[in-house]
Amino acid sequence: MTREKFIKRLLEVFGEDTGDVFSNGLENGWLEFEDKLYHEDEINRKNIARIIHMYLLTVKGISDLQDISKASELRDLYDCRICANHIAQVYLRDIMSAKELSVNGGFLWFDLNGEDDSAAIEDYLIRAYGITMNAQ
């Protein structure tokens, strides 16, 4: 799924206007210029996490979880220090899950640059929407 399609789908799930998605997101601080610049690129997991987290924080007023230490079980959490809080927030809220790489368990990673299929992305958006419903 491209960044632009992801952003439009996020807005559809939340019942928002999908007109000029980039102006809205940039003005309100939940998108970055790179989202507009690379709108045709496939979206990776770290950007999905960032966009969902920033949308929930800035548009829906969902405060950050203060203790994100449990997310450190993700072996690649700090591979992108800028992304770490975004990833921790969606992981700990069970919006996005880890990938288990060991047959016997115990090696969890987020797969920052990995890509998910449309069904998985749709599930993330539904879970994010559920967070806002539970907050009301």
N, C-alpha and C. Protein backbone atom coordinates (compact mmCIF):
# COMPACT_ATOMS: atom_id res chain seq x y z
N MET A 1 0.86 -1.17 0.00
CA MET A 1 0.00 0.00 0.00
C MET A 1 0.91 1.24 0.00
N THR A 2 0.56 2.21 -0.80
CA THR A 2 1.36 3.44 -0.84
C THR A 2 1.05 4.31 0.39
N ARG A 3 1.93 5.26 0.64
CA ARG A 3 1.71 6.19 1.75
C ARG A 3 0.39 6.94 1.56
N GLU A 4 0.16 7.41 0.34
CA GLU A 4 -1.06 8.18 0.09
C GLU A 4 -2.32 7.34 0.33
N LYS A 5 -2.32 6.10 -0.15
CA LYS A 5 -3.49 5.24 0.07
C LYS A 5 -3.68 4.94 1.55
N PHE A 6 -2.57 4.74 2.26
CA PHE A 6 -2.66 4.50 3.71
C PHE A 6 -3.29 5.69 4.42
N ILE A 7 -2.82 6.87 4.11
CA ILE A 7 -3.32 8.08 4.77
C ILE A 7 -4.80 8.28 4.46
N LYS A 8 -5.18 8.08 3.22
CA LYS A 8 -6.60 8.20 2.85
C LYS A 8 -7.43 7.16 3.58
N ARG A 9 -6.92 5.95 3.68
CA ARG A 9 -7.67 4.89 4.37
C ARG A 9 -7.80 5.21 5.86
N LEU A 10 -6.75 5.73 6.47
CA LEU A 10 -6.82 6.13 7.87
C LEU A 10 -7.94 7.15 8.06
N LEU A 11 -7.99 8.14 7.20
CA LEU A 11 -9.02 9.17 7.32
C LEU A 11 -10.41 8.59 7.10
N GLU A 12 -10.54 7.66 6.18
CA GLU A 12 -11.85 7.01 5.95
C GLU A 12 -12.30 6.25 7.18
N VAL A 13 -11.39 5.49 7.78
CA VAL A 13 -11.74 4.71 8.98
C VAL A 13 -12.21 5.62 10.10
N PHE A 14 -11.59 6.79 10.24
CA PHE A 14 -11.96 7.72 11.30
C PHE A 14 -13.07 8.69 10.89
N GLY A 15 -13.62 8.50 9.70
CA GLY A 15 -14.74 9.33 9.26
C GLY A 15 -14.35 10.76 8.92
N GLU A 16 -13.12 10.97 8.51
CA GLU A 16 -12.62 12.30 8.18
C GLU A 16 -12.69 12.55 6.68
N ASP A 17 -12.63 13.82 6.30
CA ASP A 17 -12.60 14.21 4.90
C ASP A 17 -11.28 13.75 4.27
N THR A 18 -11.35 13.12 3.12
CA THR A 18 -10.14 12.63 2.45
C THR A 18 -9.70 13.53 1.31
N GLY A 19 -10.21 14.76 1.28
CA GLY A 19 -9.86 15.70 0.20
C GLY A 19 -8.38 15.92 0.06
N ASP A 20 -7.86 16.95 0.64
CA ASP A 20 -6.43 17.27 0.55
C ASP A 20 -5.74 16.73 1.80
N VAL A 21 -5.43 15.46 1.77
CA VAL A 21 -4.91 14.78 2.96
C VAL A 21 -3.57 15.34 3.43
N PHE A 22 -2.75 15.78 2.51
CA PHE A 22 -1.42 16.23 2.91
C PHE A 22 -1.45 17.59 3.59
N SER A 23 -2.25 18.50 3.09
CA SER A 23 -2.35 19.83 3.74
C SER A 23 -2.88 19.68 5.16
N ASN A 24 -3.93 18.90 5.32
CA ASN A 24 -4.52 18.67 6.63
C ASN A 24 -3.48 18.10 7.59
N GLY A 25 -2.82 17.05 7.17
CA GLY A 25 -1.85 16.38 8.04
C GLY A 25 -0.64 17.22 8.36
N LEU A 26 -0.15 17.95 7.37
CA LEU A 26 1.02 18.80 7.60
C LEU A 26 0.68 19.96 8.51
N GLU A 27 -0.46 20.59 8.29
CA GLU A 27 -0.87 21.72 9.12
C GLU A 27 -1.12 21.31 10.57
N ASN A 28 -1.65 20.12 10.75
CA ASN A 28 -1.99 19.67 12.11
C ASN A 28 -0.88 18.86 12.77
N GLY A 29 0.24 18.69 12.09
CA GLY A 29 1.41 18.08 12.71
C GLY A 29 1.44 16.57 12.79
N TRP A 30 0.56 15.88 12.09
CA TRP A 30 0.61 14.42 12.17
C TRP A 30 1.22 13.78 10.92
N LEU A 31 1.54 14.58 9.93
CA LEU A 31 2.29 14.10 8.76
C LEU A 31 3.57 14.89 8.64
N GLU A 32 4.53 14.34 7.93
CA GLU A 32 5.78 15.01 7.64
C GLU A 32 5.86 15.27 6.15
N PHE A 33 6.70 16.20 5.75
CA PHE A 33 6.82 16.54 4.34
C PHE A 33 7.20 15.33 3.50
N GLU A 34 7.98 14.42 4.07
CA GLU A 34 8.38 13.23 3.32
C GLU A 34 7.17 12.39 2.91
N ASP A 35 6.09 12.45 3.67
CA ASP A 35 4.88 11.70 3.30
C ASP A 35 4.30 12.22 1.99
N LYS A 36 4.33 13.52 1.83
CA LYS A 36 3.85 14.12 0.59
C LYS A 36 4.84 13.89 -0.55
N LEU A 37 6.10 14.06 -0.25
CA LEU A 37 7.15 13.92 -1.26
C LEU A 37 7.20 12.49 -1.81
N TYR A 38 7.07 11.51 -0.94
CA TYR A 38 7.16 10.10 -1.34
C TYR A 38 5.81 9.40 -1.29
N HIS A 39 4.77 10.12 -1.65
CA HIS A 39 3.41 9.60 -1.52
C HIS A 39 3.14 8.34 -2.32
N GLU A 40 3.91 8.08 -3.37
CA GLU A 40 3.70 6.89 -4.20
C GLU A 40 4.50 5.69 -3.72
N ASP A 41 5.39 5.89 -2.75
CA ASP A 41 6.20 4.78 -2.23
C ASP A 41 5.36 3.87 -1.34
N GLU A 42 5.74 2.62 -1.32
CA GLU A 42 5.10 1.68 -0.40
C GLU A 42 5.42 2.12 1.02
N ILE A 43 4.44 2.01 1.89
CA ILE A 43 4.64 2.44 3.27
C ILE A 43 5.24 1.30 4.08
N ASN A 44 6.22 1.62 4.91
CA ASN A 44 6.82 0.59 5.76
C ASN A 44 6.25 0.69 7.17
N ARG A 45 6.60 -0.29 7.98
CA ARG A 45 6.02 -0.39 9.31
C ARG A 45 6.37 0.78 10.23
N LYS A 46 7.59 1.30 10.14
CA LYS A 46 7.92 2.44 11.02
C LYS A 46 7.12 3.68 10.64
N ASN A 47 6.82 3.87 9.38
CA ASN A 47 6.01 5.02 8.97
C ASN A 47 4.54 4.82 9.30
N ILE A 48 4.07 3.59 9.22
CA ILE A 48 2.70 3.31 9.67
C ILE A 48 2.58 3.66 11.15
N ALA A 49 3.55 3.19 11.94
CA ALA A 49 3.53 3.47 13.39
C ALA A 49 3.56 4.97 13.66
N ARG A 50 4.43 5.68 12.97
CA ARG A 50 4.56 7.13 13.17
C ARG A 50 3.26 7.85 12.84
N ILE A 51 2.68 7.54 11.70
CA ILE A 51 1.47 8.25 11.28
C ILE A 51 0.30 7.93 12.21
N ILE A 52 0.11 6.66 12.54
CA ILE A 52 -0.98 6.32 13.46
C ILE A 52 -0.78 7.00 14.81
N HIS A 53 0.43 6.90 15.34
CA HIS A 53 0.70 7.49 16.66
C HIS A 53 0.46 9.00 16.64
N MET A 54 0.99 9.70 15.66
CA MET A 54 0.85 11.15 15.62
C MET A 54 -0.60 11.56 15.36
N TYR A 55 -1.33 10.79 14.58
CA TYR A 55 -2.75 11.09 14.36
C TYR A 55 -3.53 10.95 15.67
N LEU A 56 -3.30 9.84 16.38
CA LEU A 56 -3.99 9.64 17.66
C LEU A 56 -3.63 10.73 18.66
N LEU A 57 -2.36 11.11 18.69
CA LEU A 57 -1.88 12.11 19.65
C LEU A 57 -2.40 13.51 19.32
N THR A 58 -2.24 13.94 18.08
CA THR A 58 -2.54 15.33 17.74
C THR A 58 -3.98 15.59 17.33
N VAL A 59 -4.60 14.62 16.66
CA VAL A 59 -5.97 14.84 16.19
C VAL A 59 -6.99 14.32 17.20
N LYS A 60 -6.74 13.14 17.73
CA LYS A 60 -7.70 12.51 18.63
C LYS A 60 -7.42 12.75 20.11
N GLY A 61 -6.29 13.38 20.42
CA GLY A 61 -6.00 13.72 21.81
C GLY A 61 -5.70 12.54 22.71
N ILE A 62 -5.22 11.45 22.16
CA ILE A 62 -4.86 10.28 22.95
C ILE A 62 -3.44 10.50 23.48
N SER A 63 -3.30 10.66 24.77
CA SER A 63 -1.99 10.92 25.37
C SER A 63 -1.06 9.72 25.24
N ASP A 64 0.22 10.01 25.22
CA ASP A 64 1.22 8.95 25.18
C ASP A 64 1.20 8.16 26.48
N LEU A 65 1.47 6.87 26.37
CA LEU A 65 1.73 6.06 27.54
C LEU A 65 3.07 6.53 28.10
N GLN A 66 3.15 6.74 29.38
CA GLN A 66 4.37 7.29 29.97
C GLN A 66 5.48 6.25 30.12
N ASP A 67 5.11 5.04 30.48
CA ASP A 67 6.11 3.99 30.68
C ASP A 67 6.14 3.10 29.44
N ILE A 68 7.17 3.26 28.65
CA ILE A 68 7.28 2.44 27.44
C ILE A 68 8.37 1.37 27.58
N SER A 69 8.82 1.14 28.79
CA SER A 69 9.94 0.21 29.01
C SER A 69 9.62 -1.22 28.55
N LYS A 70 8.37 -1.64 28.61
CA LYS A 70 8.03 -3.00 28.16
C LYS A 70 8.26 -3.19 26.67
N ALA A 71 8.27 -2.10 25.92
CA ALA A 71 8.51 -2.20 24.48
C ALA A 71 9.97 -2.53 24.16
N SER A 72 10.84 -2.43 25.15
CA SER A 72 12.25 -2.72 24.90
C SER A 72 12.49 -4.20 24.62
N GLU A 73 11.46 -5.02 24.76
CA GLU A 73 11.58 -6.42 24.36
C GLU A 73 11.70 -6.55 22.83
N LEU A 74 11.37 -5.50 22.12
CA LEU A 74 11.57 -5.47 20.67
C LEU A 74 13.05 -5.23 20.40
N ARG A 75 13.72 -6.18 19.81
CA ARG A 75 15.17 -6.10 19.65
C ARG A 75 15.60 -4.94 18.75
N ASP A 76 14.71 -4.48 17.88
CA ASP A 76 15.09 -3.40 16.96
C ASP A 76 14.45 -2.06 17.32
N LEU A 77 13.91 -1.94 18.52
CA LEU A 77 13.20 -0.73 18.91
C LEU A 77 14.05 0.53 18.73
N TYR A 78 15.31 0.46 19.13
CA TYR A 78 16.16 1.65 19.07
C TYR A 78 17.05 1.70 17.82
N ASP A 79 16.75 0.86 16.84
CA ASP A 79 17.46 0.96 15.56
C ASP A 79 17.14 2.28 14.87
N CYS A 80 16.00 2.82 15.18
CA CYS A 80 15.61 4.15 14.70
C CYS A 80 15.19 4.93 15.95
N ARG A 81 16.10 5.68 16.51
CA ARG A 81 15.81 6.38 17.76
C ARG A 81 14.68 7.39 17.63
N ILE A 82 14.56 8.00 16.47
CA ILE A 82 13.47 8.95 16.24
C ILE A 82 12.12 8.22 16.23
N CYS A 83 12.13 6.99 15.76
CA CYS A 83 10.89 6.21 15.62
C CYS A 83 10.50 5.47 16.90
N ALA A 84 11.41 5.36 17.84
CA ALA A 84 11.22 4.48 18.99
C ALA A 84 9.92 4.75 19.75
N ASN A 85 9.62 6.00 20.04
CA ASN A 85 8.40 6.28 20.79
C ASN A 85 7.15 5.95 19.97
N HIS A 86 7.17 6.26 18.68
CA HIS A 86 6.02 5.94 17.82
C HIS A 86 5.76 4.43 17.84
N ILE A 87 6.83 3.67 17.68
CA ILE A 87 6.72 2.21 17.64
C ILE A 87 6.24 1.69 18.99
N ALA A 88 6.84 2.18 20.07
CA ALA A 88 6.45 1.74 21.41
C ALA A 88 4.98 2.02 21.68
N GLN A 89 4.50 3.19 21.30
CA GLN A 89 3.10 3.55 21.56
C GLN A 89 2.13 2.61 20.84
N VAL A 90 2.36 2.33 19.57
CA VAL A 90 1.42 1.46 18.85
C VAL A 90 1.60 0.00 19.25
N TYR A 91 2.81 -0.38 19.62
CA TYR A 91 3.05 -1.75 20.08
C TYR A 91 2.38 -2.01 21.43
N LEU A 92 2.60 -1.13 22.38
CA LEU A 92 2.05 -1.32 23.72
C LEU A 92 0.53 -1.17 23.76
N ARG A 93 -0.03 -0.46 22.82
CA ARG A 93 -1.50 -0.33 22.73
C ARG A 93 -2.11 -1.46 21.90
N ASP A 94 -1.29 -2.39 21.46
CA ASP A 94 -1.71 -3.55 20.68
C ASP A 94 -2.35 -3.15 19.34
N ILE A 95 -1.86 -2.05 18.76
CA ILE A 95 -2.30 -1.66 17.43
C ILE A 95 -1.49 -2.42 16.39
N MET A 96 -0.19 -2.49 16.62
CA MET A 96 0.71 -3.25 15.75
C MET A 96 1.46 -4.24 16.62
N SER A 97 1.70 -5.42 16.09
CA SER A 97 2.37 -6.45 16.87
C SER A 97 3.80 -6.65 16.41
N ALA A 98 4.54 -7.39 17.22
CA ALA A 98 5.91 -7.75 16.90
C ALA A 98 5.91 -8.99 16.02
N LYS A 99 7.06 -9.22 15.41
CA LYS A 99 7.27 -10.46 14.67
C LYS A 99 8.20 -11.32 15.50
N GLU A 100 7.89 -12.59 15.61
CA GLU A 100 8.70 -13.50 16.40
C GLU A 100 9.59 -14.28 15.46
N LEU A 101 10.89 -14.15 15.66
CA LEU A 101 11.84 -14.76 14.73
C LEU A 101 12.43 -16.07 15.22
N SER A 102 12.21 -16.41 16.45
CA SER A 102 12.78 -17.63 17.01
C SER A 102 11.70 -18.69 17.12
N VAL A 103 12.03 -19.89 16.76
CA VAL A 103 11.08 -21.00 16.86
C VAL A 103 10.62 -21.20 18.30
N ASN A 104 11.51 -21.01 19.24
CA ASN A 104 11.20 -21.20 20.65
C ASN A 104 10.74 -19.92 21.33
N GLY A 105 10.53 -18.87 20.56
CA GLY A 105 10.10 -17.59 21.13
C GLY A 105 11.27 -16.81 21.69
N GLY A 106 10.96 -15.64 22.19
CA GLY A 106 11.96 -14.83 22.86
C GLY A 106 12.73 -13.85 21.99
N PHE A 107 12.60 -13.93 20.69
CA PHE A 107 13.28 -12.94 19.85
C PHE A 107 12.21 -12.18 19.08
N LEU A 108 11.82 -11.04 19.63
CA LEU A 108 10.78 -10.21 19.03
C LEU A 108 11.40 -9.01 18.35
N TRP A 109 10.91 -8.71 17.19
CA TRP A 109 11.36 -7.50 16.52
C TRP A 109 10.19 -6.87 15.80
N PHE A 110 10.29 -5.58 15.59
CA PHE A 110 9.20 -4.84 14.97
C PHE A 110 9.29 -4.87 13.45
N ASP A 111 10.46 -5.02 12.90
CA ASP A 111 10.69 -5.02 11.45
C ASP A 111 10.39 -3.63 10.89
N LEU A 112 11.19 -2.67 11.34
CA LEU A 112 10.98 -1.26 11.01
C LEU A 112 10.75 -0.98 9.53
N ASN A 113 11.56 -1.56 8.69
CA ASN A 113 11.48 -1.27 7.26
C ASN A 113 10.66 -2.29 6.48
N GLY A 114 10.06 -3.23 7.19
CA GLY A 114 9.23 -4.23 6.55
C GLY A 114 7.93 -3.63 6.04
N GLU A 115 7.29 -4.34 5.14
CA GLU A 115 6.00 -3.91 4.60
C GLU A 115 4.96 -4.96 4.92
N ASP A 116 3.76 -4.52 5.21
CA ASP A 116 2.66 -5.42 5.51
C ASP A 116 1.64 -5.40 4.37
N ASP A 117 0.86 -6.46 4.30
CA ASP A 117 -0.16 -6.50 3.26
C ASP A 117 -1.36 -5.65 3.67
N SER A 118 -2.25 -5.43 2.73
CA SER A 118 -3.40 -4.55 2.96
C SER A 118 -4.29 -5.03 4.11
N ALA A 119 -4.44 -6.33 4.25
CA ALA A 119 -5.28 -6.86 5.33
C ALA A 119 -4.70 -6.52 6.70
N ALA A 120 -3.39 -6.65 6.85
CA ALA A 120 -2.75 -6.32 8.12
C ALA A 120 -2.87 -4.83 8.41
N ILE A 121 -2.66 -4.02 7.39
CA ILE A 121 -2.75 -2.56 7.56
C ILE A 121 -4.17 -2.16 7.95
N GLU A 122 -5.15 -2.78 7.33
CA GLU A 122 -6.55 -2.51 7.67
C GLU A 122 -6.80 -2.85 9.14
N ASP A 123 -6.24 -3.96 9.59
CA ASP A 123 -6.38 -4.36 10.99
C ASP A 123 -5.77 -3.32 11.93
N TYR A 124 -4.62 -2.78 11.58
CA TYR A 124 -4.00 -1.73 12.41
C TYR A 124 -4.92 -0.53 12.54
N LEU A 125 -5.51 -0.14 11.42
CA LEU A 125 -6.39 1.04 11.43
C LEU A 125 -7.64 0.79 12.27
N ILE A 126 -8.19 -0.40 12.19
CA ILE A 126 -9.38 -0.75 12.99
C ILE A 126 -9.00 -0.74 14.48
N ARG A 127 -7.84 -1.28 14.80
CA ARG A 127 -7.39 -1.28 16.20
C ARG A 127 -7.17 0.15 16.70
N ALA A 128 -6.59 0.99 15.86
CA ALA A 128 -6.37 2.39 16.25
C ALA A 128 -7.70 3.09 16.49
N TYR A 129 -8.66 2.83 15.64
CA TYR A 129 -9.99 3.41 15.80
C TYR A 129 -10.59 2.94 17.13
N GLY A 130 -10.39 1.68 17.47
CA GLY A 130 -10.89 1.14 18.73
C GLY A 130 -10.31 1.84 19.95
N ILE A 131 -9.07 2.27 19.85
CA ILE A 131 -8.44 3.02 20.95
C ILE A 131 -9.22 4.30 21.21
N THR A 132 -9.64 4.97 20.16
CA THR A 132 -10.39 6.23 20.34
C THR A 132 -11.77 5.96 20.90
N MET A 133 -12.36 4.85 20.54
CA MET A 133 -13.69 4.51 21.07
C MET A 133 -13.63 4.20 22.55
N ASN A 134 -12.56 3.52 22.96
CA ASN A 134 -12.39 3.18 24.39
C ASN A 134 -12.04 4.40 25.22
N ALA A 135 -11.47 5.42 24.60
CA ALA A 135 -11.07 6.63 25.33
C ALA A 135 -12.24 7.55 25.62
N GLN A 136 -13.35 7.36 24.94
CA GLN A 136 -14.48 8.28 25.12
C GLN A 136 -15.33 7.93 26.31
